[in-house]
C-alpha cells in the first residue's frame, strides 16, 4: 500500500499502488481558484498590502475597470509597473475595459508591461468578441469572462464554447446584472431570479469544463453574507470560487470552496473501485451504485487537486511502480 496526504489538514490516506501511481503521473501545476480579490490599481496602499503576502486570496484581480474613476484610468495604467512580485503560487489577473473602444485600446498596450497570468474580460456579450480579444492579447494568458448583462446571458453558451476547457473560466457579475435588469441588488440566496441566472451560467461552464466564479457579495463588508452566498454557489450550482472586494471575507470564502478530507476519501474510493478493473462498468462505492460517469468525475477532480497542490505523495511501498490501467468503458 502507498500513502497520499491531504495538505490542508495533514491527514493521510492509504491507497492501492494503482491509485497512487495513477495520480502521481499527473503533471503540471494549476492555480487554486477559491478566492479572487479585486485591487484598484490607482490605490498605492492596496498594492503595498498585497506585496507582503499576508492577504489570503488565491488570486488578485488588478483592476483597470469599474473601481477606477474615468479621470484615474491613466494613473491606474501607469501603476502596473509598481505591482509587487508574487508571493507563492497566487494568480495575478488584470481586469480591462471592454465596453469603451478607446479605453480598451489603451489597456491592451498597458498590460504588456507586466506578465499577468490571466485577464478578466468583463461584460462578455458574444463569442466573437471574446475570441477576438483572446487573439489580440495572446494565447499564453488564461481568461475569465464575466457574464453580467442580459445580452451576455443570451450568448453564455456561445461564449463558453470559445474558452479553453480546464484552463479558462466564466464568472457572474451580480452588480451590473442588477443594473441592467433594473432590480435591487440583494444577496443571491434571497433571490430566486439570480439563482436561475447562476444555474444557466453553471450549466454552460460544466458543459465546457470551465472554472466558475461567483460574484462579489452585495454586502461586501459582511463575511457571513459571503459565506452563505459561497455555500449556495458551490453546493447547489458547482461554482469553484468567488470574487471579493474585502479581504475580511476571504477566510470564509476559502473555507467553503476548499475540498474536505471526506471528499478526498470518497473520490479515492471511487478510483479504487474502477482502476484496473475489467468486465463491468458499474461498482458499489460506499453502499451506492457508481457508474462510469462517477469514475470520470472523481478522476477529473482528483487530478485537478493534485495539480493544485492539495495532494502530496509519500513513499510508496510497491517495489516496481506501474501506471494504473484505465477501466474498460463500453
C-alpha atoms as a PDB file:
ATOM      1  CA  UNK A   1       0.000   0.000   0.000  1.00  0.00           C
ATOM      2  CA  UNK A   2       1.022   3.591  -0.641  1.00  0.00           C
ATOM      3  CA  UNK A   3       0.094   6.822   1.125  1.00  0.00           C
ATOM      4  CA  UNK A   4      -1.149  10.224  -0.008  1.00  0.00           C
ATOM      5  CA  UNK A   5      -1.522  13.300   2.192  1.00  0.00           C
ATOM      6  CA  UNK A   6      -4.243  15.956   2.159  1.00  0.00           C
ATOM      7  CA  UNK A   7      -2.142  19.101   2.534  1.00  0.00           C
ATOM      8  CA  UNK A   8      -4.845  21.345   4.044  1.00  0.00           C
ATOM      9  CA  UNK A   9      -5.195  19.229   7.193  1.00  0.00           C
ATOM     10  CA  UNK A  10      -2.197  16.898   7.131  1.00  0.00           C
ATOM     11  CA  UNK A  11      -4.477  13.826   7.129  1.00  0.00           C
ATOM     12  CA  UNK A  12      -3.068  10.812   5.310  1.00  0.00           C
ATOM     13  CA  UNK A  13      -4.855   8.130   3.357  1.00  0.00           C
ATOM     14  CA  UNK A  14      -3.618   4.669   2.396  1.00  0.00           C
ATOM     15  CA  UNK A  15      -4.321   3.857  -1.235  1.00  0.00           C
ATOM     16  CA  UNK A  16      -3.556   0.993  -3.569  1.00  0.00           C
ATOM     17  CA  UNK A  17      -0.421   1.167  -5.663  1.00  0.00           C
ATOM     18  CA  UNK A  18      -2.561   1.509  -8.780  1.00  0.00           C
ATOM     19  CA  UNK A  19      -4.331   4.614  -7.466  1.00  0.00           C
ATOM     20  CA  UNK A  20      -1.056   6.046  -6.160  1.00  0.00           C
ATOM     21  CA  UNK A  21       0.780   5.794  -9.460  1.00  0.00           C
ATOM     22  CA  UNK A  22      -2.280   6.786 -11.480  1.00  0.00           C
ATOM     23  CA  UNK A  23      -2.463  10.101  -9.605  1.00  0.00           C
ATOM     24  CA  UNK A  24       1.259  10.641  -9.314  1.00  0.00           C
ATOM     25  CA  UNK A  25       1.742  10.571 -13.073  1.00  0.00           C
ATOM     26  CA  UNK A  26      -0.432  13.704 -13.283  1.00  0.00           C
ATOM     27  CA  UNK A  27       1.878  16.511 -14.365  1.00  0.00           C
ATOM     28  CA  UNK A  28       1.766  20.291 -14.255  1.00  0.00           C
ATOM     29  CA  UNK A  29       0.653  22.862 -11.726  1.00  0.00           C
ATOM     30  CA  UNK A  30      -2.543  24.858 -11.525  1.00  0.00           C
ATOM     31  CA  UNK A  31      -3.770  27.833  -9.539  1.00  0.00           C
ATOM     32  CA  UNK A  32      -6.256  27.305  -6.759  1.00  0.00           C
ATOM     33  CA  UNK A  33      -9.247  29.468  -7.567  1.00  0.00           C
ATOM     34  CA  UNK A  34     -11.313  29.613  -4.387  1.00  0.00           C
ATOM     35  CA  UNK A  35     -10.987  33.371  -3.934  1.00  0.00           C
ATOM     36  CA  UNK A  36     -10.053  36.320  -6.139  1.00  0.00           C
ATOM     37  CA  UNK A  37      -9.679  39.778  -4.579  1.00  0.00           C
ATOM     38  CA  UNK A  38     -10.124  42.951  -6.604  1.00  0.00           C
ATOM     39  CA  UNK A  39      -7.306  45.501  -6.183  1.00  0.00           C
ATOM     40  CA  UNK A  40      -7.832  49.018  -7.648  1.00  0.00           C
ATOM     41  CA  UNK A  41      -4.583  49.893  -9.418  1.00  0.00           C
ATOM     42  CA  UNK A  42      -4.896  53.577  -8.557  1.00  0.00           C
ATOM     43  CA  UNK A  43      -4.576  52.891  -4.798  1.00  0.00           C
ATOM     44  CA  UNK A  44      -0.906  52.571  -3.708  1.00  0.00           C
ATOM     45  CA  UNK A  45      -1.774  51.418  -0.168  1.00  0.00           C
ATOM     46  CA  UNK A  46      -3.631  48.400  -1.564  1.00  0.00           C
ATOM     47  CA  UNK A  47      -0.670  47.404  -3.712  1.00  0.00           C
ATOM     48  CA  UNK A  48       1.596  47.532  -0.677  1.00  0.00           C
ATOM     49  CA  UNK A  49      -0.654  45.212   1.342  1.00  0.00           C
ATOM     50  CA  UNK A  50      -0.623  42.605  -1.416  1.00  0.00           C
ATOM     51  CA  UNK A  51       3.161  42.677  -1.584  1.00  0.00           C
ATOM     52  CA  UNK A  52       3.637  41.474   1.994  1.00  0.00           C
ATOM     53  CA  UNK A  53       1.979  38.124   1.288  1.00  0.00           C
ATOM     54  CA  UNK A  54      -0.434  38.348   4.227  1.00  0.00           C
ATOM     55  CA  UNK A  55      -3.701  38.599   2.254  1.00  0.00           C
ATOM     56  CA  UNK A  56      -5.002  35.011   1.898  1.00  0.00           C
ATOM     57  CA  UNK A  57      -6.501  35.244  -1.598  1.00  0.00           C
ATOM     58  CA  UNK A  58      -5.759  32.591  -4.215  1.00  0.00           C
ATOM     59  CA  UNK A  59      -5.613  35.355  -6.802  1.00  0.00           C
ATOM     60  CA  UNK A  60      -5.655  39.118  -7.191  1.00  0.00           C
ATOM     61  CA  UNK A  61      -7.568  40.987  -9.899  1.00  0.00           C
ATOM     62  CA  UNK A  62      -5.593  44.152 -10.595  1.00  0.00           C
ATOM     63  CA  UNK A  63      -8.388  46.411 -11.748  1.00  0.00           C
ATOM     64  CA  UNK A  64      -8.493  48.932 -14.563  1.00  0.00           C
ATOM     65  CA  UNK A  65     -12.280  48.874 -14.956  1.00  0.00           C
ATOM     66  CA  UNK A  66     -15.219  49.685 -12.663  1.00  0.00           C
ATOM     67  CA  UNK A  67     -13.297  50.512  -9.474  1.00  0.00           C
ATOM     68  CA  UNK A  68     -11.308  53.208 -11.302  1.00  0.00           C
ATOM     69  CA  UNK A  69     -12.922  56.651 -11.939  1.00  0.00           C
ATOM     70  CA  UNK A  70     -12.533  57.903 -15.547  1.00  0.00           C
ATOM     71  CA  UNK A  71     -10.075  60.601 -14.533  1.00  0.00           C
ATOM     72  CA  UNK A  72      -7.893  57.988 -12.785  1.00  0.00           C
ATOM     73  CA  UNK A  73      -7.712  55.435 -15.615  1.00  0.00           C
ATOM     74  CA  UNK A  74      -4.291  56.514 -16.825  1.00  0.00           C
ATOM     75  CA  UNK A  75      -2.980  56.687 -13.260  1.00  0.00           C
ATOM     76  CA  UNK A  76      -4.051  53.073 -12.853  1.00  0.00           C
ATOM     77  CA  UNK A  77      -2.348  52.033 -16.095  1.00  0.00           C
ATOM     78  CA  UNK A  78       0.861  53.799 -15.088  1.00  0.00           C
ATOM     79  CA  UNK A  79       0.801  51.907 -11.784  1.00  0.00           C
ATOM     80  CA  UNK A  80       1.034  48.486 -13.453  1.00  0.00           C
ATOM     81  CA  UNK A  81       4.836  48.634 -13.299  1.00  0.00           C
ATOM     82  CA  UNK A  82       4.594  49.049  -9.493  1.00  0.00           C
ATOM     83  CA  UNK A  83       2.716  45.796  -8.882  1.00  0.00           C
ATOM     84  CA  UNK A  84       4.680  43.837  -6.241  1.00  0.00           C
ATOM     85  CA  UNK A  85       6.230  40.437  -7.044  1.00  0.00           C
ATOM     86  CA  UNK A  86       4.067  37.402  -6.388  1.00  0.00           C
ATOM     87  CA  UNK A  87       4.370  35.628  -3.057  1.00  0.00           C
ATOM     88  CA  UNK A  88       3.678  31.928  -3.524  1.00  0.00           C
ATOM     89  CA  UNK A  89       1.566  30.328  -6.231  1.00  0.00           C
ATOM     90  CA  UNK A  90      -1.050  33.078  -6.468  1.00  0.00           C
ATOM     91  CA  UNK A  91      -2.760  34.107  -9.687  1.00  0.00           C
ATOM     92  CA  UNK A  92      -2.209  37.640 -10.911  1.00  0.00           C
ATOM     93  CA  UNK A  93      -5.118  38.721 -13.102  1.00  0.00           C
ATOM     94  CA  UNK A  94      -5.894  42.083 -14.702  1.00  0.00           C
ATOM     95  CA  UNK A  95      -9.413  43.343 -15.486  1.00  0.00           C
ATOM     96  CA  UNK A  96      -9.601  45.582 -18.536  1.00  0.00           C
ATOM     97  CA  UNK A  97     -12.236  47.889 -20.006  1.00  0.00           C
ATOM     98  CA  UNK A  98     -14.070  46.070 -22.804  1.00  0.00           C
ATOM     99  CA  UNK A  99     -17.075  48.368 -23.274  1.00  0.00           C
ATOM    100  CA  UNK A 100     -15.173  51.500 -24.359  1.00  0.00           C
ATOM    101  CA  UNK A 101     -13.014  51.033 -27.506  1.00  0.00           C
ATOM    102  CA  UNK A 102     -10.684  53.921 -26.636  1.00  0.00           C
ATOM    103  CA  UNK A 103     -10.115  52.721 -23.060  1.00  0.00           C
ATOM    104  CA  UNK A 104      -9.692  49.156 -24.301  1.00  0.00           C
ATOM    105  CA  UNK A 105      -7.007  50.149 -26.794  1.00  0.00           C
ATOM    106  CA  UNK A 106      -5.027  51.912 -24.081  1.00  0.00           C
ATOM    107  CA  UNK A 107      -5.487  48.986 -21.677  1.00  0.00           C
ATOM    108  CA  UNK A 108      -4.204  46.482 -24.226  1.00  0.00           C
ATOM    109  CA  UNK A 109      -0.994  48.479 -24.582  1.00  0.00           C
ATOM    110  CA  UNK A 110      -0.576  48.965 -20.834  1.00  0.00           C
ATOM    111  CA  UNK A 111      -0.979  45.339 -19.761  1.00  0.00           C
ATOM    112  CA  UNK A 112       2.035  44.276 -21.821  1.00  0.00           C
ATOM    113  CA  UNK A 113       4.186  45.937 -19.133  1.00  0.00           C
ATOM    114  CA  UNK A 114       3.596  43.084 -16.663  1.00  0.00           C
ATOM    115  CA  UNK A 115       3.468  39.271 -17.012  1.00  0.00           C
ATOM    116  CA  UNK A 116      -0.103  38.764 -15.825  1.00  0.00           C
ATOM    117  CA  UNK A 117      -1.217  35.158 -15.527  1.00  0.00           C
ATOM    118  CA  UNK A 118      -4.760  35.878 -16.637  1.00  0.00           C
ATOM    119  CA  UNK A 119      -7.109  38.536 -17.947  1.00  0.00           C
ATOM    120  CA  UNK A 120     -10.663  39.205 -16.802  1.00  0.00           C
ATOM    121  CA  UNK A 121     -12.912  40.241 -19.683  1.00  0.00           C
ATOM    122  CA  UNK A 122     -15.972  41.948 -18.132  1.00  0.00           C
ATOM    123  CA  UNK A 123     -19.404  42.245 -19.723  1.00  0.00           C
ATOM    124  CA  UNK A 124     -18.845  39.437 -22.210  1.00  0.00           C
ATOM    125  CA  UNK A 125     -21.633  39.540 -24.786  1.00  0.00           C
ATOM    126  CA  UNK A 126     -20.605  37.340 -27.725  1.00  0.00           C
ATOM    127  CA  UNK A 127     -18.267  34.537 -28.595  1.00  0.00           C
ATOM    128  CA  UNK A 128     -16.791  36.562 -31.470  1.00  0.00           C
ATOM    129  CA  UNK A 129     -15.995  39.458 -29.112  1.00  0.00           C
ATOM    130  CA  UNK A 130     -14.207  37.193 -26.637  1.00  0.00           C
ATOM    131  CA  UNK A 131     -12.324  35.233 -29.293  1.00  0.00           C
ATOM    132  CA  UNK A 132     -11.051  38.438 -30.881  1.00  0.00           C
ATOM    133  CA  UNK A 133      -9.795  39.762 -27.536  1.00  0.00           C
ATOM    134  CA  UNK A 134      -8.084  36.453 -26.745  1.00  0.00           C
ATOM    135  CA  UNK A 135      -6.277  36.569 -30.086  1.00  0.00           C
ATOM    136  CA  UNK A 136      -5.199  40.186 -29.565  1.00  0.00           C
ATOM    137  CA  UNK A 137      -3.911  39.623 -26.028  1.00  0.00           C
ATOM    138  CA  UNK A 138      -2.367  36.210 -26.607  1.00  0.00           C
ATOM    139  CA  UNK A 139      -2.964  32.511 -26.014  1.00  0.00           C
ATOM    140  CA  UNK A 140      -0.335  32.440 -23.263  1.00  0.00           C
ATOM    141  CA  UNK A 141      -2.852  34.020 -20.867  1.00  0.00           C
ATOM    142  CA  UNK A 142      -5.765  32.453 -19.017  1.00  0.00           C
ATOM    143  CA  UNK A 143      -9.130  34.158 -19.475  1.00  0.00           C
ATOM    144  CA  UNK A 144     -12.056  34.801 -17.143  1.00  0.00           C
ATOM    145  CA  UNK A 145     -15.185  36.114 -18.867  1.00  0.00           C
ATOM    146  CA  UNK A 146     -17.803  37.736 -16.655  1.00  0.00           C
ATOM    147  CA  UNK A 147     -21.464  37.388 -17.593  1.00  0.00           C
ATOM    148  CA  UNK A 148     -23.193  40.485 -16.232  1.00  0.00           C
ATOM    149  CA  UNK A 149     -25.719  41.684 -18.819  1.00  0.00           C
ATOM    150  CA  UNK A 150     -28.880  40.323 -20.385  1.00  0.00           C
ATOM    151  CA  UNK A 151     -27.119  40.210 -23.753  1.00  0.00           C
ATOM    152  CA  UNK A 152     -24.319  38.225 -22.165  1.00  0.00           C
ATOM    153  CA  UNK A 153     -26.812  35.717 -20.799  1.00  0.00           C
ATOM    154  CA  UNK A 154     -28.238  35.241 -24.293  1.00  0.00           C
ATOM    155  CA  UNK A 155     -24.747  34.351 -25.522  1.00  0.00           C
ATOM    156  CA  UNK A 156     -23.425  32.433 -22.488  1.00  0.00           C
ATOM    157  CA  UNK A 157     -23.103  29.077 -24.271  1.00  0.00           C
ATOM    158  CA  UNK A 158     -21.530  30.703 -27.314  1.00  0.00           C
ATOM    159  CA  UNK A 159     -19.005  32.456 -25.072  1.00  0.00           C
ATOM    160  CA  UNK A 160     -18.240  29.294 -23.126  1.00  0.00           C
ATOM    161  CA  UNK A 161     -17.615  27.407 -26.362  1.00  0.00           C
ATOM    162  CA  UNK A 162     -14.667  29.643 -27.356  1.00  0.00           C
ATOM    163  CA  UNK A 163     -12.957  29.301 -23.966  1.00  0.00           C
ATOM    164  CA  UNK A 164     -10.475  26.503 -23.281  1.00  0.00           C
ATOM    165  CA  UNK A 165     -11.520  23.546 -21.115  1.00  0.00           C
ATOM    166  CA  UNK A 166      -9.686  23.092 -17.807  1.00  0.00           C
ATOM    167  CA  UNK A 167      -7.956  26.478 -18.285  1.00  0.00           C
ATOM    168  CA  UNK A 168     -10.343  29.401 -18.641  1.00  0.00           C
ATOM    169  CA  UNK A 169     -13.350  30.440 -16.569  1.00  0.00           C
ATOM    170  CA  UNK A 170     -16.754  32.067 -16.549  1.00  0.00           C
ATOM    171  CA  UNK A 171     -17.905  34.466 -13.857  1.00  0.00           C
ATOM    172  CA  UNK A 172     -21.162  36.001 -12.683  1.00  0.00           C
ATOM    173  CA  UNK A 173     -21.425  39.754 -12.107  1.00  0.00           C
ATOM    174  CA  UNK A 174     -24.493  40.420  -9.987  1.00  0.00           C
ATOM    175  CA  UNK A 175     -23.937  44.181  -9.661  1.00  0.00           C
ATOM    176  CA  UNK A 176     -24.076  45.121 -13.332  1.00  0.00           C
ATOM    177  CA  UNK A 177     -26.672  42.421 -13.956  1.00  0.00           C
ATOM    178  CA  UNK A 178     -28.930  44.059 -11.345  1.00  0.00           C
ATOM    179  CA  UNK A 179     -28.485  47.427 -13.036  1.00  0.00           C
ATOM    180  CA  UNK A 180     -29.171  46.010 -16.486  1.00  0.00           C
ATOM    181  CA  UNK A 181     -32.346  44.334 -15.226  1.00  0.00           C
ATOM    182  CA  UNK A 182     -33.488  47.309 -13.155  1.00  0.00           C
ATOM    183  CA  UNK A 183     -33.831  45.258  -9.950  1.00  0.00           C
ATOM    184  CA  UNK A 184     -32.447  45.627  -6.438  1.00  0.00           C
ATOM    185  CA  UNK A 185     -29.086  44.072  -5.715  1.00  0.00           C
ATOM    186  CA  UNK A 186     -29.643  41.618  -2.869  1.00  0.00           C
ATOM    187  CA  UNK A 187     -27.781  38.512  -1.657  1.00  0.00           C
ATOM    188  CA  UNK A 188     -28.114  35.679  -4.154  1.00  0.00           C
ATOM    189  CA  UNK A 189     -29.526  33.308  -1.526  1.00  0.00           C
ATOM    190  CA  UNK A 190     -32.520  35.683  -1.226  1.00  0.00           C
ATOM    191  CA  UNK A 191     -33.188  35.915  -4.964  1.00  0.00           C
ATOM    192  CA  UNK A 192     -34.746  33.017  -6.895  1.00  0.00           C
ATOM    193  CA  UNK A 193     -34.207  35.027 -10.069  1.00  0.00           C
ATOM    194  CA  UNK A 194     -30.452  35.442  -9.530  1.00  0.00           C
ATOM    195  CA  UNK A 195     -30.305  31.738  -8.744  1.00  0.00           C
ATOM    196  CA  UNK A 196     -31.903  30.969 -12.098  1.00  0.00           C
ATOM    197  CA  UNK A 197     -29.231  33.096 -13.783  1.00  0.00           C
ATOM    198  CA  UNK A 198     -26.496  31.316 -11.826  1.00  0.00           C
ATOM    199  CA  UNK A 199     -27.891  27.963 -12.899  1.00  0.00           C
ATOM    200  CA  UNK A 200     -27.728  28.874 -16.586  1.00  0.00           C
ATOM    201  CA  UNK A 201     -24.145  30.116 -16.279  1.00  0.00           C
ATOM    202  CA  UNK A 202     -23.216  26.999 -14.305  1.00  0.00           C
ATOM    203  CA  UNK A 203     -24.618  24.694 -16.991  1.00  0.00           C
ATOM    204  CA  UNK A 204     -22.542  26.447 -19.656  1.00  0.00           C
ATOM    205  CA  UNK A 205     -19.400  26.195 -17.529  1.00  0.00           C
ATOM    206  CA  UNK A 206     -19.921  22.498 -16.804  1.00  0.00           C
ATOM    207  CA  UNK A 207     -20.660  21.758 -20.457  1.00  0.00           C
ATOM    208  CA  UNK A 208     -17.244  23.098 -21.476  1.00  0.00           C
ATOM    209  CA  UNK A 209     -15.271  22.142 -18.316  1.00  0.00           C
ATOM    210  CA  UNK A 210     -14.560  25.708 -17.205  1.00  0.00           C
ATOM    211  CA  UNK A 211     -13.868  27.121 -13.755  1.00  0.00           C
ATOM    212  CA  UNK A 212     -16.689  29.257 -12.417  1.00  0.00           C
ATOM    213  CA  UNK A 213     -16.537  32.372 -10.221  1.00  0.00           C
ATOM    214  CA  UNK A 214     -19.390  33.636  -8.077  1.00  0.00           C
ATOM    215  CA  UNK A 215     -19.989  37.377  -7.888  1.00  0.00           C
ATOM    216  CA  UNK A 216     -18.842  39.916  -5.307  1.00  0.00           C
ATOM    217  CA  UNK A 217     -21.284  39.893  -2.383  1.00  0.00           C
ATOM    218  CA  UNK A 218     -23.976  42.543  -2.249  1.00  0.00           C
ATOM    219  CA  UNK A 219     -22.956  43.245   1.362  1.00  0.00           C
ATOM    220  CA  UNK A 220     -19.223  43.241   0.841  1.00  0.00           C
ATOM    221  CA  UNK A 221     -18.333  44.092   4.462  1.00  0.00           C
ATOM    222  CA  UNK A 222     -20.089  41.047   5.912  1.00  0.00           C
ATOM    223  CA  UNK A 223     -18.168  37.726   5.946  1.00  0.00           C
ATOM    224  CA  UNK A 224     -21.343  35.813   6.846  1.00  0.00           C
ATOM    225  CA  UNK A 225     -23.126  37.013   3.700  1.00  0.00           C
ATOM    226  CA  UNK A 226     -20.113  35.936   1.647  1.00  0.00           C
ATOM    227  CA  UNK A 227     -20.139  32.536   3.347  1.00  0.00           C
ATOM    228  CA  UNK A 228     -23.845  31.977   2.672  1.00  0.00           C
ATOM    229  CA  UNK A 229     -23.557  33.083  -0.946  1.00  0.00           C
ATOM    230  CA  UNK A 230     -20.488  30.887  -1.443  1.00  0.00           C
ATOM    231  CA  UNK A 231     -22.266  27.905   0.120  1.00  0.00           C
ATOM    232  CA  UNK A 232     -25.167  28.336  -2.301  1.00  0.00           C
ATOM    233  CA  UNK A 233     -22.955  28.758  -5.355  1.00  0.00           C
ATOM    234  CA  UNK A 234     -20.694  25.823  -4.531  1.00  0.00           C
ATOM    235  CA  UNK A 235     -23.072  23.191  -3.219  1.00  0.00           C
ATOM    236  CA  UNK A 236     -26.112  23.949  -5.381  1.00  0.00           C
ATOM    237  CA  UNK A 237     -24.533  25.186  -8.621  1.00  0.00           C
ATOM    238  CA  UNK A 238     -20.980  23.815  -8.559  1.00  0.00           C
ATOM    239  CA  UNK A 239     -19.090  27.121  -8.648  1.00  0.00           C
ATOM    240  CA  UNK A 240     -15.356  26.770  -7.989  1.00  0.00           C
ATOM    241  CA  UNK A 241     -14.654  30.149  -6.372  1.00  0.00           C
ATOM    242  CA  UNK A 242     -15.872  33.632  -5.531  1.00  0.00           C
ATOM    243  CA  UNK A 243     -14.716  37.191  -6.114  1.00  0.00           C
ATOM    244  CA  UNK A 244     -14.467  39.753  -3.332  1.00  0.00           C
ATOM    245  CA  UNK A 245     -13.519  43.375  -2.742  1.00  0.00           C
ATOM    246  CA  UNK A 246     -12.947  42.986   1.008  1.00  0.00           C
ATOM    247  CA  UNK A 247     -10.129  40.859   2.498  1.00  0.00           C
ATOM    248  CA  UNK A 248     -12.292  40.264   5.598  1.00  0.00           C
ATOM    249  CA  UNK A 249     -14.382  37.831   3.541  1.00  0.00           C
ATOM    250  CA  UNK A 250     -11.506  35.713   2.262  1.00  0.00           C
ATOM    251  CA  UNK A 251     -11.244  33.206   5.109  1.00  0.00           C
ATOM    252  CA  UNK A 252     -14.963  32.403   4.888  1.00  0.00           C
ATOM    253  CA  UNK A 253     -14.795  32.069   1.099  1.00  0.00           C
ATOM    254  CA  UNK A 254     -11.701  29.854   1.150  1.00  0.00           C
ATOM    255  CA  UNK A 255     -13.274  27.569   3.745  1.00  0.00           C
ATOM    256  CA  UNK A 256     -16.397  26.981   1.644  1.00  0.00           C
ATOM    257  CA  UNK A 257     -14.590  26.220  -1.614  1.00  0.00           C
ATOM    258  CA  UNK A 258     -11.798  24.091  -0.159  1.00  0.00           C
ATOM    259  CA  UNK A 259     -12.081  20.330  -0.661  1.00  0.00           C
ATOM    260  CA  UNK A 260     -12.541  18.316   2.537  1.00  0.00           C
ATOM    261  CA  UNK A 261     -10.742  15.168   3.588  1.00  0.00           C
ATOM    262  CA  UNK A 262     -14.011  13.241   3.489  1.00  0.00           C
ATOM    263  CA  UNK A 263     -14.485  14.319  -0.127  1.00  0.00           C
ATOM    264  CA  UNK A 264     -10.973  13.110  -0.979  1.00  0.00           C
ATOM    265  CA  UNK A 265     -11.792   9.764   0.674  1.00  0.00           C
ATOM    266  CA  UNK A 266     -14.965   9.491  -1.412  1.00  0.00           C
ATOM    267  CA  UNK A 267     -13.148  10.153  -4.676  1.00  0.00           C
ATOM    268  CA  UNK A 268     -10.344   7.752  -3.793  1.00  0.00           C
ATOM    269  CA  UNK A 269     -12.890   5.024  -3.019  1.00  0.00           C
ATOM    270  CA  UNK A 270     -14.378   5.535  -6.484  1.00  0.00           C
ATOM    271  CA  UNK A 271     -10.952   5.315  -8.130  1.00  0.00           C
ATOM    272  CA  UNK A 272     -10.167   2.165  -6.163  1.00  0.00           C
ATOM    273  CA  UNK A 273     -13.383   0.549  -7.404  1.00  0.00           C
ATOM    274  CA  UNK A 274     -12.666   1.220 -11.069  1.00  0.00           C
ATOM    275  CA  UNK A 275      -8.938   1.402 -11.785  1.00  0.00           C
ATOM    276  CA  UNK A 276      -7.582  -1.761 -13.337  1.00  0.00           C
ATOM    277  CA  UNK A 277     -10.946  -3.488 -13.166  1.00  0.00           C
ATOM    278  CA  UNK A 278     -12.383  -5.118 -16.262  1.00  0.00           C
ATOM    279  CA  UNK A 279     -15.619  -6.856 -17.106  1.00  0.00           C
ATOM    280  CA  UNK A 280     -18.028  -4.294 -15.642  1.00  0.00           C
ATOM    281  CA  UNK A 281     -18.684  -0.577 -15.820  1.00  0.00           C
ATOM    282  CA  UNK A 282     -20.572  -0.318 -12.529  1.00  0.00           C
ATOM    283  CA  UNK A 283     -19.489  -0.817  -8.927  1.00  0.00           C
ATOM    284  CA  UNK A 284     -20.852  -0.274  -5.445  1.00  0.00           C
ATOM    285  CA  UNK A 285     -18.951   2.519  -3.699  1.00  0.00           C
ATOM    286  CA  UNK A 286     -19.867   3.444  -0.129  1.00  0.00           C
ATOM    287  CA  UNK A 287     -23.046   1.446  -0.381  1.00  0.00           C
ATOM    288  CA  UNK A 288     -24.222   3.276  -3.503  1.00  0.00           C
ATOM    289  CA  UNK A 289     -24.208   2.455  -7.211  1.00  0.00           C
ATOM    290  CA  UNK A 290     -21.443   4.183  -9.178  1.00  0.00           C
ATOM    291  CA  UNK A 291     -21.161   4.052 -12.940  1.00  0.00           C
ATOM    292  CA  UNK A 292     -18.519   5.263 -15.370  1.00  0.00           C
ATOM    293  CA  UNK A 293     -19.662   8.929 -15.118  1.00  0.00           C
ATOM    294  CA  UNK A 294     -18.916   8.804 -11.372  1.00  0.00           C
ATOM    295  CA  UNK A 295     -15.435   7.442 -12.096  1.00  0.00           C
ATOM    296  CA  UNK A 296     -14.721  10.110 -14.712  1.00  0.00           C
ATOM    297  CA  UNK A 297     -15.872  12.871 -12.364  1.00  0.00           C
ATOM    298  CA  UNK A 298     -13.801  11.567  -9.437  1.00  0.00           C
ATOM    299  CA  UNK A 299     -10.767  11.088 -11.668  1.00  0.00           C
ATOM    300  CA  UNK A 300     -11.004  14.593 -13.151  1.00  0.00           C
ATOM    301  CA  UNK A 301     -11.381  16.206  -9.740  1.00  0.00           C
ATOM    302  CA  UNK A 302      -8.558  14.251  -8.114  1.00  0.00           C
ATOM    303  CA  UNK A 303      -6.195  15.062 -10.949  1.00  0.00           C
ATOM    304  CA  UNK A 304      -7.119  18.729 -10.505  1.00  0.00           C
ATOM    305  CA  UNK A 305      -6.468  18.540  -6.753  1.00  0.00           C
ATOM    306  CA  UNK A 306      -3.038  17.071  -7.474  1.00  0.00           C
ATOM    307  CA  UNK A 307      -2.218  19.921  -9.858  1.00  0.00           C
ATOM    308  CA  UNK A 308      -3.447  22.463  -7.299  1.00  0.00           C
ATOM    309  CA  UNK A 309      -1.250  21.047  -4.533  1.00  0.00           C
ATOM    310  CA  UNK A 310      -3.964  19.649  -2.289  1.00  0.00           C
ATOM    311  CA  UNK A 311      -2.470  16.152  -2.578  1.00  0.00           C
ATOM    312  CA  UNK A 312       1.082  15.211  -1.607  1.00  0.00           C
ATOM    313  CA  UNK A 313       2.667  11.820  -2.234  1.00  0.00           C
ATOM    314  CA  UNK A 314       4.592   9.844   0.346  1.00  0.00           C
ATOM    315  CA  UNK A 315       6.947   6.988  -0.482  1.00  0.00           C
ATOM    316  CA  UNK A 316       5.171   4.040  -1.992  1.00  0.00           C
ATOM    317  CA  UNK A 317       5.832   0.564  -0.638  1.00  0.00           C
ATOM    318  CA  UNK A 318       5.433  -1.016  -4.076  1.00  0.00           C
ATOM    319  CA  UNK A 319       8.679  -2.445  -5.407  1.00  0.00           C
ATOM    320  CA  UNK A 320       8.003  -1.649  -9.060  1.00  0.00           C
ATOM    321  CA  UNK A 321       5.922   1.417  -9.930  1.00  0.00           C
ATOM    322  CA  UNK A 322       3.334   0.579 -12.567  1.00  0.00           C
ATOM    323  CA  UNK A 323       0.939   3.092 -14.134  1.00  0.00           C
ATOM    324  CA  UNK A 324      -2.667   2.200 -13.494  1.00  0.00           C
ATOM    325  CA  UNK A 325      -4.716   0.733 -16.294  1.00  0.00           C
ATOM    326  CA  UNK A 326      -7.825   2.612 -17.298  1.00  0.00           C
ATOM    327  CA  UNK A 327     -11.114   0.763 -16.781  1.00  0.00           C
ATOM    328  CA  UNK A 328     -12.766  -0.741 -19.821  1.00  0.00           C
ATOM    329  CA  UNK A 329     -15.549   1.579 -20.949  1.00  0.00           C
ATOM    330  CA  UNK A 330     -18.140   0.348 -23.409  1.00  0.00           C
END
